[in-house]
């Protein structure tokens, strides 16, 4: 759920740290 919440934040345009984006990928 935390990963999905983070993805939703990214889709809203909230800048995410690169490390977090890579970990989700």
PDBML (XML) file of the C-alpha atoms, coordinates in Angstrom:
<?xml version="1.0" encoding="UTF-8" ?>
<PDBx:datablock datablockName="MODEL"
   xmlns:PDBx="http://pdbml.pdb.org/schema/pdbx-v50.xsd"
   xmlns:xsi="http://www.w3.org/2001/XMLSchema-instance"
   xsi:schemaLocation="http://pdbml.pdb.org/schema/pdbx-v50.xsd pdbx-v50.xsd">
   <PDBx:atom_siteCategory>
      <PDBx:atom_site id="1">
         <PDBx:B_iso_or_equiv>0.00</PDBx:B_iso_or_equiv>
         <PDBx:Cartn_x>0.000</PDBx:Cartn_x>
         <PDBx:Cartn_y>0.000</PDBx:Cartn_y>
         <PDBx:Cartn_z>0.000</PDBx:Cartn_z>
         <PDBx:auth_asym_id>A</PDBx:auth_asym_id>
         <PDBx:auth_atom_id>CA</PDBx:auth_atom_id>
         <PDBx:auth_comp_id>UNK</PDBx:auth_comp_id>
         <PDBx:auth_seq_id>1</PDBx:auth_seq_id>
         <PDBx:group_PDB>ATOM</PDBx:group_PDB>
         <PDBx:label_alt_id xsi:nil="true" />
         <PDBx:label_asym_id>A</PDBx:label_asym_id>
         <PDBx:label_atom_id>CA</PDBx:label_atom_id>
         <PDBx:label_comp_id>UNK</PDBx:label_comp_id>
         <PDBx:label_entity_id>1</PDBx:label_entity_id>
         <PDBx:label_seq_id>1</PDBx:label_seq_id>
         <PDBx:occupancy>1.00</PDBx:occupancy>
         <PDBx:pdbx_PDB_model_num>1</PDBx:pdbx_PDB_model_num>
         <PDBx:type_symbol>C</PDBx:type_symbol>
      </PDBx:atom_site>
      <PDBx:atom_site id="2">
         <PDBx:B_iso_or_equiv>0.00</PDBx:B_iso_or_equiv>
         <PDBx:Cartn_x>2.870</PDBx:Cartn_x>
         <PDBx:Cartn_y>2.376</PDBx:Cartn_y>
         <PDBx:Cartn_z>0.786</PDBx:Cartn_z>
         <PDBx:auth_asym_id>A</PDBx:auth_asym_id>
         <PDBx:auth_atom_id>CA</PDBx:auth_atom_id>
         <PDBx:auth_comp_id>UNK</PDBx:auth_comp_id>
         <PDBx:auth_seq_id>2</PDBx:auth_seq_id>
         <PDBx:group_PDB>ATOM</PDBx:group_PDB>
         <PDBx:label_alt_id xsi:nil="true" />
         <PDBx:label_asym_id>A</PDBx:label_asym_id>
         <PDBx:label_atom_id>CA</PDBx:label_atom_id>
         <PDBx:label_comp_id>UNK</PDBx:label_comp_id>
         <PDBx:label_entity_id>1</PDBx:label_entity_id>
         <PDBx:label_seq_id>2</PDBx:label_seq_id>
         <PDBx:occupancy>1.00</PDBx:occupancy>
         <PDBx:pdbx_PDB_model_num>1</PDBx:pdbx_PDB_model_num>
         <PDBx:type_symbol>C</PDBx:type_symbol>
      </PDBx:atom_site>
      <PDBx:atom_site id="3">
         <PDBx:B_iso_or_equiv>0.00</PDBx:B_iso_or_equiv>
         <PDBx:Cartn_x>4.345</PDBx:Cartn_x>
         <PDBx:Cartn_y>1.788</PDBx:Cartn_y>
         <PDBx:Cartn_z>-2.670</PDBx:Cartn_z>
         <PDBx:auth_asym_id>A</PDBx:auth_asym_id>
         <PDBx:auth_atom_id>CA</PDBx:auth_atom_id>
         <PDBx:auth_comp_id>UNK</PDBx:auth_comp_id>
         <PDBx:auth_seq_id>3</PDBx:auth_seq_id>
         <PDBx:group_PDB>ATOM</PDBx:group_PDB>
         <PDBx:label_alt_id xsi:nil="true" />
         <PDBx:label_asym_id>A</PDBx:label_asym_id>
         <PDBx:label_atom_id>CA</PDBx:label_atom_id>
         <PDBx:label_comp_id>UNK</PDBx:label_comp_id>
         <PDBx:label_entity_id>1</PDBx:label_entity_id>
         <PDBx:label_seq_id>3</PDBx:label_seq_id>
         <PDBx:occupancy>1.00</PDBx:occupancy>
         <PDBx:pdbx_PDB_model_num>1</PDBx:pdbx_PDB_model_num>
         <PDBx:type_symbol>C</PDBx:type_symbol>
      </PDBx:atom_site>
      <PDBx:atom_site id="4">
         <PDBx:B_iso_or_equiv>0.00</PDBx:B_iso_or_equiv>
         <PDBx:Cartn_x>0.961</PDBx:Cartn_x>
         <PDBx:Cartn_y>2.476</PDBx:Cartn_y>
         <PDBx:Cartn_z>-4.257</PDBx:Cartn_z>
         <PDBx:auth_asym_id>A</PDBx:auth_asym_id>
         <PDBx:auth_atom_id>CA</PDBx:auth_atom_id>
         <PDBx:auth_comp_id>UNK</PDBx:auth_comp_id>
         <PDBx:auth_seq_id>4</PDBx:auth_seq_id>
         <PDBx:group_PDB>ATOM</PDBx:group_PDB>
         <PDBx:label_alt_id xsi:nil="true" />
         <PDBx:label_asym_id>A</PDBx:label_asym_id>
         <PDBx:label_atom_id>CA</PDBx:label_atom_id>
         <PDBx:label_comp_id>UNK</PDBx:label_comp_id>
         <PDBx:label_entity_id>1</PDBx:label_entity_id>
         <PDBx:label_seq_id>4</PDBx:label_seq_id>
         <PDBx:occupancy>1.00</PDBx:occupancy>
         <PDBx:pdbx_PDB_model_num>1</PDBx:pdbx_PDB_model_num>
         <PDBx:type_symbol>C</PDBx:type_symbol>
      </PDBx:atom_site>
      <PDBx:atom_site id="5">
         <PDBx:B_iso_or_equiv>0.00</PDBx:B_iso_or_equiv>
         <PDBx:Cartn_x>0.509</PDBx:Cartn_x>
         <PDBx:Cartn_y>5.667</PDBx:Cartn_y>
         <PDBx:Cartn_z>-2.215</PDBx:Cartn_z>
         <PDBx:auth_asym_id>A</PDBx:auth_asym_id>
         <PDBx:auth_atom_id>CA</PDBx:auth_atom_id>
         <PDBx:auth_comp_id>UNK</PDBx:auth_comp_id>
         <PDBx:auth_seq_id>5</PDBx:auth_seq_id>
         <PDBx:group_PDB>ATOM</PDBx:group_PDB>
         <PDBx:label_alt_id xsi:nil="true" />
         <PDBx:label_asym_id>A</PDBx:label_asym_id>
         <PDBx:label_atom_id>CA</PDBx:label_atom_id>
         <PDBx:label_comp_id>UNK</PDBx:label_comp_id>
         <PDBx:label_entity_id>1</PDBx:label_entity_id>
         <PDBx:label_seq_id>5</PDBx:label_seq_id>
         <PDBx:occupancy>1.00</PDBx:occupancy>
         <PDBx:pdbx_PDB_model_num>1</PDBx:pdbx_PDB_model_num>
         <PDBx:type_symbol>C</PDBx:type_symbol>
      </PDBx:atom_site>
      <PDBx:atom_site id="6">
         <PDBx:B_iso_or_equiv>0.00</PDBx:B_iso_or_equiv>
         <PDBx:Cartn_x>3.950</PDBx:Cartn_x>
         <PDBx:Cartn_y>6.807</PDBx:Cartn_y>
         <PDBx:Cartn_z>-3.347</PDBx:Cartn_z>
         <PDBx:auth_asym_id>A</PDBx:auth_asym_id>
         <PDBx:auth_atom_id>CA</PDBx:auth_atom_id>
         <PDBx:auth_comp_id>UNK</PDBx:auth_comp_id>
         <PDBx:auth_seq_id>6</PDBx:auth_seq_id>
         <PDBx:group_PDB>ATOM</PDBx:group_PDB>
         <PDBx:label_alt_id xsi:nil="true" />
         <PDBx:label_asym_id>A</PDBx:label_asym_id>
         <PDBx:label_atom_id>CA</PDBx:label_atom_id>
         <PDBx:label_comp_id>UNK</PDBx:label_comp_id>
         <PDBx:label_entity_id>1</PDBx:label_entity_id>
         <PDBx:label_seq_id>6</PDBx:label_seq_id>
         <PDBx:occupancy>1.00</PDBx:occupancy>
         <PDBx:pdbx_PDB_model_num>1</PDBx:pdbx_PDB_model_num>
         <PDBx:type_symbol>C</PDBx:type_symbol>
      </PDBx:atom_site>
      <PDBx:atom_site id="7">
         <PDBx:B_iso_or_equiv>0.00</PDBx:B_iso_or_equiv>
         <PDBx:Cartn_x>3.073</PDBx:Cartn_x>
         <PDBx:Cartn_y>6.067</PDBx:Cartn_y>
         <PDBx:Cartn_z>-6.986</PDBx:Cartn_z>
         <PDBx:auth_asym_id>A</PDBx:auth_asym_id>
         <PDBx:auth_atom_id>CA</PDBx:auth_atom_id>
         <PDBx:auth_comp_id>UNK</PDBx:auth_comp_id>
         <PDBx:auth_seq_id>7</PDBx:auth_seq_id>
         <PDBx:group_PDB>ATOM</PDBx:group_PDB>
         <PDBx:label_alt_id xsi:nil="true" />
         <PDBx:label_asym_id>A</PDBx:label_asym_id>
         <PDBx:label_atom_id>CA</PDBx:label_atom_id>
         <PDBx:label_comp_id>UNK</PDBx:label_comp_id>
         <PDBx:label_entity_id>1</PDBx:label_entity_id>
         <PDBx:label_seq_id>7</PDBx:label_seq_id>
         <PDBx:occupancy>1.00</PDBx:occupancy>
         <PDBx:pdbx_PDB_model_num>1</PDBx:pdbx_PDB_model_num>
         <PDBx:type_symbol>C</PDBx:type_symbol>
      </PDBx:atom_site>
      <PDBx:atom_site id="8">
         <PDBx:B_iso_or_equiv>0.00</PDBx:B_iso_or_equiv>
         <PDBx:Cartn_x>-0.123</PDBx:Cartn_x>
         <PDBx:Cartn_y>8.083</PDBx:Cartn_y>
         <PDBx:Cartn_z>-6.621</PDBx:Cartn_z>
         <PDBx:auth_asym_id>A</PDBx:auth_asym_id>
         <PDBx:auth_atom_id>CA</PDBx:auth_atom_id>
         <PDBx:auth_comp_id>UNK</PDBx:auth_comp_id>
         <PDBx:auth_seq_id>8</PDBx:auth_seq_id>
         <PDBx:group_PDB>ATOM</PDBx:group_PDB>
         <PDBx:label_alt_id xsi:nil="true" />
         <PDBx:label_asym_id>A</PDBx:label_asym_id>
         <PDBx:label_atom_id>CA</PDBx:label_atom_id>
         <PDBx:label_comp_id>UNK</PDBx:label_comp_id>
         <PDBx:label_entity_id>1</PDBx:label_entity_id>
         <PDBx:label_seq_id>8</PDBx:label_seq_id>
         <PDBx:occupancy>1.00</PDBx:occupancy>
         <PDBx:pdbx_PDB_model_num>1</PDBx:pdbx_PDB_model_num>
         <PDBx:type_symbol>C</PDBx:type_symbol>
      </PDBx:atom_site>
      <PDBx:atom_site id="9">
         <PDBx:B_iso_or_equiv>0.00</PDBx:B_iso_or_equiv>
         <PDBx:Cartn_x>1.857</PDBx:Cartn_x>
         <PDBx:Cartn_y>10.988</PDBx:Cartn_y>
         <PDBx:Cartn_z>-5.191</PDBx:Cartn_z>
         <PDBx:auth_asym_id>A</PDBx:auth_asym_id>
         <PDBx:auth_atom_id>CA</PDBx:auth_atom_id>
         <PDBx:auth_comp_id>UNK</PDBx:auth_comp_id>
         <PDBx:auth_seq_id>9</PDBx:auth_seq_id>
         <PDBx:group_PDB>ATOM</PDBx:group_PDB>
         <PDBx:label_alt_id xsi:nil="true" />
         <PDBx:label_asym_id>A</PDBx:label_asym_id>
         <PDBx:label_atom_id>CA</PDBx:label_atom_id>
         <PDBx:label_comp_id>UNK</PDBx:label_comp_id>
         <PDBx:label_entity_id>1</PDBx:label_entity_id>
         <PDBx:label_seq_id>9</PDBx:label_seq_id>
         <PDBx:occupancy>1.00</PDBx:occupancy>
         <PDBx:pdbx_PDB_model_num>1</PDBx:pdbx_PDB_model_num>
         <PDBx:type_symbol>C</PDBx:type_symbol>
      </PDBx:atom_site>
      <PDBx:atom_site id="10">
         <PDBx:B_iso_or_equiv>0.00</PDBx:B_iso_or_equiv>
         <PDBx:Cartn_x>4.159</PDBx:Cartn_x>
         <PDBx:Cartn_y>10.841</PDBx:Cartn_y>
         <PDBx:Cartn_z>-8.214</PDBx:Cartn_z>
         <PDBx:auth_asym_id>A</PDBx:auth_asym_id>
         <PDBx:auth_atom_id>CA</PDBx:auth_atom_id>
         <PDBx:auth_comp_id>UNK</PDBx:auth_comp_id>
         <PDBx:auth_seq_id>10</PDBx:auth_seq_id>
         <PDBx:group_PDB>ATOM</PDBx:group_PDB>
         <PDBx:label_alt_id xsi:nil="true" />
         <PDBx:label_asym_id>A</PDBx:label_asym_id>
         <PDBx:label_atom_id>CA</PDBx:label_atom_id>
         <PDBx:label_comp_id>UNK</PDBx:label_comp_id>
         <PDBx:label_entity_id>1</PDBx:label_entity_id>
         <PDBx:label_seq_id>10</PDBx:label_seq_id>
         <PDBx:occupancy>1.00</PDBx:occupancy>
         <PDBx:pdbx_PDB_model_num>1</PDBx:pdbx_PDB_model_num>
         <PDBx:type_symbol>C</PDBx:type_symbol>
      </PDBx:atom_site>
      <PDBx:atom_site id="11">
         <PDBx:B_iso_or_equiv>0.00</PDBx:B_iso_or_equiv>
         <PDBx:Cartn_x>1.152</PDBx:Cartn_x>
         <PDBx:Cartn_y>10.826</PDBx:Cartn_y>
         <PDBx:Cartn_z>-10.576</PDBx:Cartn_z>
         <PDBx:auth_asym_id>A</PDBx:auth_asym_id>
         <PDBx:auth_atom_id>CA</PDBx:auth_atom_id>
         <PDBx:auth_comp_id>UNK</PDBx:auth_comp_id>
         <PDBx:auth_seq_id>11</PDBx:auth_seq_id>
         <PDBx:group_PDB>ATOM</PDBx:group_PDB>
         <PDBx:label_alt_id xsi:nil="true" />
         <PDBx:label_asym_id>A</PDBx:label_asym_id>
         <PDBx:label_atom_id>CA</PDBx:label_atom_id>
         <PDBx:label_comp_id>UNK</PDBx:label_comp_id>
         <PDBx:label_entity_id>1</PDBx:label_entity_id>
         <PDBx:label_seq_id>11</PDBx:label_seq_id>
         <PDBx:occupancy>1.00</PDBx:occupancy>
         <PDBx:pdbx_PDB_model_num>1</PDBx:pdbx_PDB_model_num>
         <PDBx:type_symbol>C</PDBx:type_symbol>
      </PDBx:atom_site>
      <PDBx:atom_site id="12">
         <PDBx:B_iso_or_equiv>0.00</PDBx:B_iso_or_equiv>
         <PDBx:Cartn_x>-0.100</PDBx:Cartn_x>
         <PDBx:Cartn_y>13.951</PDBx:Cartn_y>
         <PDBx:Cartn_z>-8.798</PDBx:Cartn_z>
         <PDBx:auth_asym_id>A</PDBx:auth_asym_id>
         <PDBx:auth_atom_id>CA</PDBx:auth_atom_id>
         <PDBx:auth_comp_id>UNK</PDBx:auth_comp_id>
         <PDBx:auth_seq_id>12</PDBx:auth_seq_id>
         <PDBx:group_PDB>ATOM</PDBx:group_PDB>
         <PDBx:label_alt_id xsi:nil="true" />
         <PDBx:label_asym_id>A</PDBx:label_asym_id>
         <PDBx:label_atom_id>CA</PDBx:label_atom_id>
         <PDBx:label_comp_id>UNK</PDBx:label_comp_id>
         <PDBx:label_entity_id>1</PDBx:label_entity_id>
         <PDBx:label_seq_id>12</PDBx:label_seq_id>
         <PDBx:occupancy>1.00</PDBx:occupancy>
         <PDBx:pdbx_PDB_model_num>1</PDBx:pdbx_PDB_model_num>
         <PDBx:type_symbol>C</PDBx:type_symbol>
      </PDBx:atom_site>
      <PDBx:atom_site id="13">
         <PDBx:B_iso_or_equiv>0.00</PDBx:B_iso_or_equiv>
         <PDBx:Cartn_x>3.158</PDBx:Cartn_x>
         <PDBx:Cartn_y>15.672</PDBx:Cartn_y>
         <PDBx:Cartn_z>-9.710</PDBx:Cartn_z>
         <PDBx:auth_asym_id>A</PDBx:auth_asym_id>
         <PDBx:auth_atom_id>CA</PDBx:auth_atom_id>
         <PDBx:auth_comp_id>UNK</PDBx:auth_comp_id>
         <PDBx:auth_seq_id>13</PDBx:auth_seq_id>
         <PDBx:group_PDB>ATOM</PDBx:group_PDB>
         <PDBx:label_alt_id xsi:nil="true" />
         <PDBx:label_asym_id>A</PDBx:label_asym_id>
         <PDBx:label_atom_id>CA</PDBx:label_atom_id>
         <PDBx:label_comp_id>UNK</PDBx:label_comp_id>
         <PDBx:label_entity_id>1</PDBx:label_entity_id>
         <PDBx:label_seq_id>13</PDBx:label_seq_id>
         <PDBx:occupancy>1.00</PDBx:occupancy>
         <PDBx:pdbx_PDB_model_num>1</PDBx:pdbx_PDB_model_num>
         <PDBx:type_symbol>C</PDBx:type_symbol>
      </PDBx:atom_site>
      <PDBx:atom_site id="14">
         <PDBx:B_iso_or_equiv>0.00</PDBx:B_iso_or_equiv>
         <PDBx:Cartn_x>4.773</PDBx:Cartn_x>
         <PDBx:Cartn_y>15.561</PDBx:Cartn_y>
         <PDBx:Cartn_z>-6.292</PDBx:Cartn_z>
         <PDBx:auth_asym_id>A</PDBx:auth_asym_id>
         <PDBx:auth_atom_id>CA</PDBx:auth_atom_id>
         <PDBx:auth_comp_id>UNK</PDBx:auth_comp_id>
         <PDBx:auth_seq_id>14</PDBx:auth_seq_id>
         <PDBx:group_PDB>ATOM</PDBx:group_PDB>
         <PDBx:label_alt_id xsi:nil="true" />
         <PDBx:label_asym_id>A</PDBx:label_asym_id>
         <PDBx:label_atom_id>CA</PDBx:label_atom_id>
         <PDBx:label_comp_id>UNK</PDBx:label_comp_id>
         <PDBx:label_entity_id>1</PDBx:label_entity_id>
         <PDBx:label_seq_id>14</PDBx:label_seq_id>
         <PDBx:occupancy>1.00</PDBx:occupancy>
         <PDBx:pdbx_PDB_model_num>1</PDBx:pdbx_PDB_model_num>
         <PDBx:type_symbol>C</PDBx:type_symbol>
      </PDBx:atom_site>
      <PDBx:atom_site id="15">
         <PDBx:B_iso_or_equiv>0.00</PDBx:B_iso_or_equiv>
         <PDBx:Cartn_x>8.535</PDBx:Cartn_x>
         <PDBx:Cartn_y>15.317</PDBx:Cartn_y>
         <PDBx:Cartn_z>-6.873</PDBx:Cartn_z>
         <PDBx:auth_asym_id>A</PDBx:auth_asym_id>
         <PDBx:auth_atom_id>CA</PDBx:auth_atom_id>
         <PDBx:auth_comp_id>UNK</PDBx:auth_comp_id>
         <PDBx:auth_seq_id>15</PDBx:auth_seq_id>
         <PDBx:group_PDB>ATOM</PDBx:group_PDB>
         <PDBx:label_alt_id xsi:nil="true" />
         <PDBx:label_asym_id>A</PDBx:label_asym_id>
         <PDBx:label_atom_id>CA</PDBx:label_atom_id>
         <PDBx:label_comp_id>UNK</PDBx:label_comp_id>
         <PDBx:label_entity_id>1</PDBx:label_entity_id>
         <PDBx:label_seq_id>15</PDBx:label_seq_id>
         <PDBx:occupancy>1.00</PDBx:occupancy>
         <PDBx:pdbx_PDB_model_num>1</PDBx:pdbx_PDB_model_num>
         <PDBx:type_symbol>C</PDBx:type_symbol>
      </PDBx:atom_site>
      <PDBx:atom_site id="16">
         <PDBx:B_iso_or_equiv>0.00</PDBx:B_iso_or_equiv>
         <PDBx:Cartn_x>9.895</PDBx:Cartn_x>
         <PDBx:Cartn_y>12.031</PDBx:Cartn_y>
         <PDBx:Cartn_z>-5.559</PDBx:Cartn_z>
         <PDBx:auth_asym_id>A</PDBx:auth_asym_id>
         <PDBx:auth_atom_id>CA</PDBx:auth_atom_id>
         <PDBx:auth_comp_id>UNK</PDBx:auth_comp_id>
         <PDBx:auth_seq_id>16</PDBx:auth_seq_id>
         <PDBx:group_PDB>ATOM</PDBx:group_PDB>
         <PDBx:label_alt_id xsi:nil="true" />
         <PDBx:label_asym_id>A</PDBx:label_asym_id>
         <PDBx:label_atom_id>CA</PDBx:label_atom_id>
         <PDBx:label_comp_id>UNK</PDBx:label_comp_id>
         <PDBx:label_entity_id>1</PDBx:label_entity_id>
         <PDBx:label_seq_id>16</PDBx:label_seq_id>
         <PDBx:occupancy>1.00</PDBx:occupancy>
         <PDBx:pdbx_PDB_model_num>1</PDBx:pdbx_PDB_model_num>
         <PDBx:type_symbol>C</PDBx:type_symbol>
      </PDBx:atom_site>
      <PDBx:atom_site id="17">
         <PDBx:B_iso_or_equiv>0.00</PDBx:B_iso_or_equiv>
         <PDBx:Cartn_x>13.524</PDBx:Cartn_x>
         <PDBx:Cartn_y>11.289</PDBx:Cartn_y>
         <PDBx:Cartn_z>-4.760</PDBx:Cartn_z>
         <PDBx:auth_asym_id>A</PDBx:auth_asym_id>
         <PDBx:auth_atom_id>CA</PDBx:auth_atom_id>
         <PDBx:auth_comp_id>UNK</PDBx:auth_comp_id>
         <PDBx:auth_seq_id>17</PDBx:auth_seq_id>
         <PDBx:group_PDB>ATOM</PDBx:group_PDB>
         <PDBx:label_alt_id xsi:nil="true" />
         <PDBx:label_asym_id>A</PDBx:label_asym_id>
         <PDBx:label_atom_id>CA</PDBx:label_atom_id>
         <PDBx:label_comp_id>UNK</PDBx:label_comp_id>
         <PDBx:label_entity_id>1</PDBx:label_entity_id>
         <PDBx:label_seq_id>17</PDBx:label_seq_id>
         <PDBx:occupancy>1.00</PDBx:occupancy>
         <PDBx:pdbx_PDB_model_num>1</PDBx:pdbx_PDB_model_num>
         <PDBx:type_symbol>C</PDBx:type_symbol>
      </PDBx:atom_site>
      <PDBx:atom_site id="18">
         <PDBx:B_iso_or_equiv>0.00</PDBx:B_iso_or_equiv>
         <PDBx:Cartn_x>15.258</PDBx:Cartn_x>
         <PDBx:Cartn_y>9.328</PDBx:Cartn_y>
         <PDBx:Cartn_z>-7.525</PDBx:Cartn_z>
         <PDBx:auth_asym_id>A</PDBx:auth_asym_id>
         <PDBx:auth_atom_id>CA</PDBx:auth_atom_id>
         <PDBx:auth_comp_id>UNK</PDBx:auth_comp_id>
         <PDBx:auth_seq_id>18</PDBx:auth_seq_id>
         <PDBx:group_PDB>ATOM</PDBx:group_PDB>
         <PDBx:label_alt_id xsi:nil="true" />
         <PDBx:label_asym_id>A</PDBx:label_asym_id>
         <PDBx:label_atom_id>CA</PDBx:label_atom_id>
         <PDBx:label_comp_id>UNK</PDBx:label_comp_id>
         <PDBx:label_entity_id>1</PDBx:label_entity_id>
         <PDBx:label_seq_id>18</PDBx:label_seq_id>
         <PDBx:occupancy>1.00</PDBx:occupancy>
         <PDBx:pdbx_PDB_model_num>1</PDBx:pdbx_PDB_model_num>
         <PDBx:type_symbol>C</PDBx:type_symbol>
      </PDBx:atom_site>
      <PDBx:atom_site id="19">
         <PDBx:B_iso_or_equiv>0.00</PDBx:B_iso_or_equiv>
         <PDBx:Cartn_x>16.139</PDBx:Cartn_x>
         <PDBx:Cartn_y>6.505</PDBx:Cartn_y>
         <PDBx:Cartn_z>-5.148</PDBx:Cartn_z>
         <PDBx:auth_asym_id>A</PDBx:auth_asym_id>
         <PDBx:auth_atom_id>CA</PDBx:auth_atom_id>
         <PDBx:auth_comp_id>UNK</PDBx:auth_comp_id>
         <PDBx:auth_seq_id>19</PDBx:auth_seq_id>
         <PDBx:group_PDB>ATOM</PDBx:group_PDB>
         <PDBx:label_alt_id xsi:nil="true" />
         <PDBx:label_asym_id>A</PDBx:label_asym_id>
         <PDBx:label_atom_id>CA</PDBx:label_atom_id>
         <PDBx:label_comp_id>UNK</PDBx:label_comp_id>
         <PDBx:label_entity_id>1</PDBx:label_entity_id>
         <PDBx:label_seq_id>19</PDBx:label_seq_id>
         <PDBx:occupancy>1.00</PDBx:occupancy>
         <PDBx:pdbx_PDB_model_num>1</PDBx:pdbx_PDB_model_num>
         <PDBx:type_symbol>C</PDBx:type_symbol>
      </PDBx:atom_site>
      <PDBx:atom_site id="20">
         <PDBx:B_iso_or_equiv>0.00</PDBx:B_iso_or_equiv>
         <PDBx:Cartn_x>12.481</PDBx:Cartn_x>
         <PDBx:Cartn_y>6.019</PDBx:Cartn_y>
         <PDBx:Cartn_z>-4.289</PDBx:Cartn_z>
         <PDBx:auth_asym_id>A</PDBx:auth_asym_id>
         <PDBx:auth_atom_id>CA</PDBx:auth_atom_id>
         <PDBx:auth_comp_id>UNK</PDBx:auth_comp_id>
         <PDBx:auth_seq_id>20</PDBx:auth_seq_id>
         <PDBx:group_PDB>ATOM</PDBx:group_PDB>
         <PDBx:label_alt_id xsi:nil="true" />
         <PDBx:label_asym_id>A</PDBx:label_asym_id>
         <PDBx:label_atom_id>CA</PDBx:label_atom_id>
         <PDBx:label_comp_id>UNK</PDBx:label_comp_id>
         <PDBx:label_entity_id>1</PDBx:label_entity_id>
         <PDBx:label_seq_id>20</PDBx:label_seq_id>
         <PDBx:occupancy>1.00</PDBx:occupancy>
         <PDBx:pdbx_PDB_model_num>1</PDBx:pdbx_PDB_model_num>
         <PDBx:type_symbol>C</PDBx:type_symbol>
      </PDBx:atom_site>
      <PDBx:atom_site id="21">
         <PDBx:B_iso_or_equiv>0.00</PDBx:B_iso_or_equiv>
         <PDBx:Cartn_x>11.418</PDBx:Cartn_x>
         <PDBx:Cartn_y>6.030</PDBx:Cartn_y>
         <PDBx:Cartn_z>-7.936</PDBx:Cartn_z>
         <PDBx:auth_asym_id>A</PDBx:auth_asym_id>
         <PDBx:auth_atom_id>CA</PDBx:auth_atom_id>
         <PDBx:auth_comp_id>UNK</PDBx:auth_comp_id>
         <PDBx:auth_seq_id>21</PDBx:auth_seq_id>
         <PDBx:group_PDB>ATOM</PDBx:group_PDB>
         <PDBx:label_alt_id xsi:nil="true" />
         <PDBx:label_asym_id>A</PDBx:label_asym_id>
         <PDBx:label_atom_id>CA</PDBx:label_atom_id>
         <PDBx:label_comp_id>UNK</PDBx:label_comp_id>
         <PDBx:label_entity_id>1</PDBx:label_entity_id>
         <PDBx:label_seq_id>21</PDBx:label_seq_id>
         <PDBx:occupancy>1.00</PDBx:occupancy>
         <PDBx:pdbx_PDB_model_num>1</PDBx:pdbx_PDB_model_num>
         <PDBx:type_symbol>C</PDBx:type_symbol>
      </PDBx:atom_site>
      <PDBx:atom_site id="22">
         <PDBx:B_iso_or_equiv>0.00</PDBx:B_iso_or_equiv>
         <PDBx:Cartn_x>14.092</PDBx:Cartn_x>
         <PDBx:Cartn_y>3.466</PDBx:Cartn_y>
         <PDBx:Cartn_z>-8.838</PDBx:Cartn_z>
         <PDBx:auth_asym_id>A</PDBx:auth_asym_id>
         <PDBx:auth_atom_id>CA</PDBx:auth_atom_id>
         <PDBx:auth_comp_id>UNK</PDBx:auth_comp_id>
         <PDBx:auth_seq_id>22</PDBx:auth_seq_id>
         <PDBx:group_PDB>ATOM</PDBx:group_PDB>
         <PDBx:label_alt_id xsi:nil="true" />
         <PDBx:label_asym_id>A</PDBx:label_asym_id>
         <PDBx:label_atom_id>CA</PDBx:label_atom_id>
         <PDBx:label_comp_id>UNK</PDBx:label_comp_id>
         <PDBx:label_entity_id>1</PDBx:label_entity_id>
         <PDBx:label_seq_id>22</PDBx:label_seq_id>
         <PDBx:occupancy>1.00</PDBx:occupancy>
         <PDBx:pdbx_PDB_model_num>1</PDBx:pdbx_PDB_model_num>
         <PDBx:type_symbol>C</PDBx:type_symbol>
      </PDBx:atom_site>
      <PDBx:atom_site id="23">
         <PDBx:B_iso_or_equiv>0.00</PDBx:B_iso_or_equiv>
         <PDBx:Cartn_x>13.119</PDBx:Cartn_x>
         <PDBx:Cartn_y>1.240</PDBx:Cartn_y>
         <PDBx:Cartn_z>-5.907</PDBx:Cartn_z>
         <PDBx:auth_asym_id>A</PDBx:auth_asym_id>
         <PDBx:auth_atom_id>CA</PDBx:auth_atom_id>
         <PDBx:auth_comp_id>UNK</PDBx:auth_comp_id>
         <PDBx:auth_seq_id>23</PDBx:auth_seq_id>
         <PDBx:group_PDB>ATOM</PDBx:group_PDB>
         <PDBx:label_alt_id xsi:nil="true" />
         <PDBx:label_asym_id>A</PDBx:label_asym_id>
         <PDBx:label_atom_id>CA</PDBx:label_atom_id>
         <PDBx:label_comp_id>UNK</PDBx:label_comp_id>
         <PDBx:label_entity_id>1</PDBx:label_entity_id>
         <PDBx:label_seq_id>23</PDBx:label_seq_id>
         <PDBx:occupancy>1.00</PDBx:occupancy>
         <PDBx:pdbx_PDB_model_num>1</PDBx:pdbx_PDB_model_num>
         <PDBx:type_symbol>C</PDBx:type_symbol>
      </PDBx:atom_site>
      <PDBx:atom_site id="24">
         <PDBx:B_iso_or_equiv>0.00</PDBx:B_iso_or_equiv>
         <PDBx:Cartn_x>9.479</PDBx:Cartn_x>
         <PDBx:Cartn_y>1.255</PDBx:Cartn_y>
         <PDBx:Cartn_z>-7.020</PDBx:Cartn_z>
         <PDBx:auth_asym_id>A</PDBx:auth_asym_id>
         <PDBx:auth_atom_id>CA</PDBx:auth_atom_id>
         <PDBx:auth_comp_id>UNK</PDBx:auth_comp_id>
         <PDBx:auth_seq_id>24</PDBx:auth_seq_id>
         <PDBx:group_PDB>ATOM</PDBx:group_PDB>
         <PDBx:label_alt_id xsi:nil="true" />
         <PDBx:label_asym_id>A</PDBx:label_asym_id>
         <PDBx:label_atom_id>CA</PDBx:label_atom_id>
         <PDBx:label_comp_id>UNK</PDBx:label_comp_id>
         <PDBx:label_entity_id>1</PDBx:label_entity_id>
         <PDBx:label_seq_id>24</PDBx:label_seq_id>
         <PDBx:occupancy>1.00</PDBx:occupancy>
         <PDBx:pdbx_PDB_model_num>1</PDBx:pdbx_PDB_model_num>
         <PDBx:type_symbol>C</PDBx:type_symbol>
      </PDBx:atom_site>
      <PDBx:atom_site id="25">
         <PDBx:B_iso_or_equiv>0.00</PDBx:B_iso_or_equiv>
         <PDBx:Cartn_x>10.495</PDBx:Cartn_x>
         <PDBx:Cartn_y>0.436</PDBx:Cartn_y>
         <PDBx:Cartn_z>-10.603</PDBx:Cartn_z>
         <PDBx:auth_asym_id>A</PDBx:auth_asym_id>
         <PDBx:auth_atom_id>CA</PDBx:auth_atom_id>
         <PDBx:auth_comp_id>UNK</PDBx:auth_comp_id>
         <PDBx:auth_seq_id>25</PDBx:auth_seq_id>
         <PDBx:group_PDB>ATOM</PDBx:group_PDB>
         <PDBx:label_alt_id xsi:nil="true" />
         <PDBx:label_asym_id>A</PDBx:label_asym_id>
         <PDBx:label_atom_id>CA</PDBx:label_atom_id>
         <PDBx:label_comp_id>UNK</PDBx:label_comp_id>
         <PDBx:label_entity_id>1</PDBx:label_entity_id>
         <PDBx:label_seq_id>25</PDBx:label_seq_id>
         <PDBx:occupancy>1.00</PDBx:occupancy>
         <PDBx:pdbx_PDB_model_num>1</PDBx:pdbx_PDB_model_num>
         <PDBx:type_symbol>C</PDBx:type_symbol>
      </PDBx:atom_site>
   </PDBx:atom_siteCategory>
</PDBx:datablock>
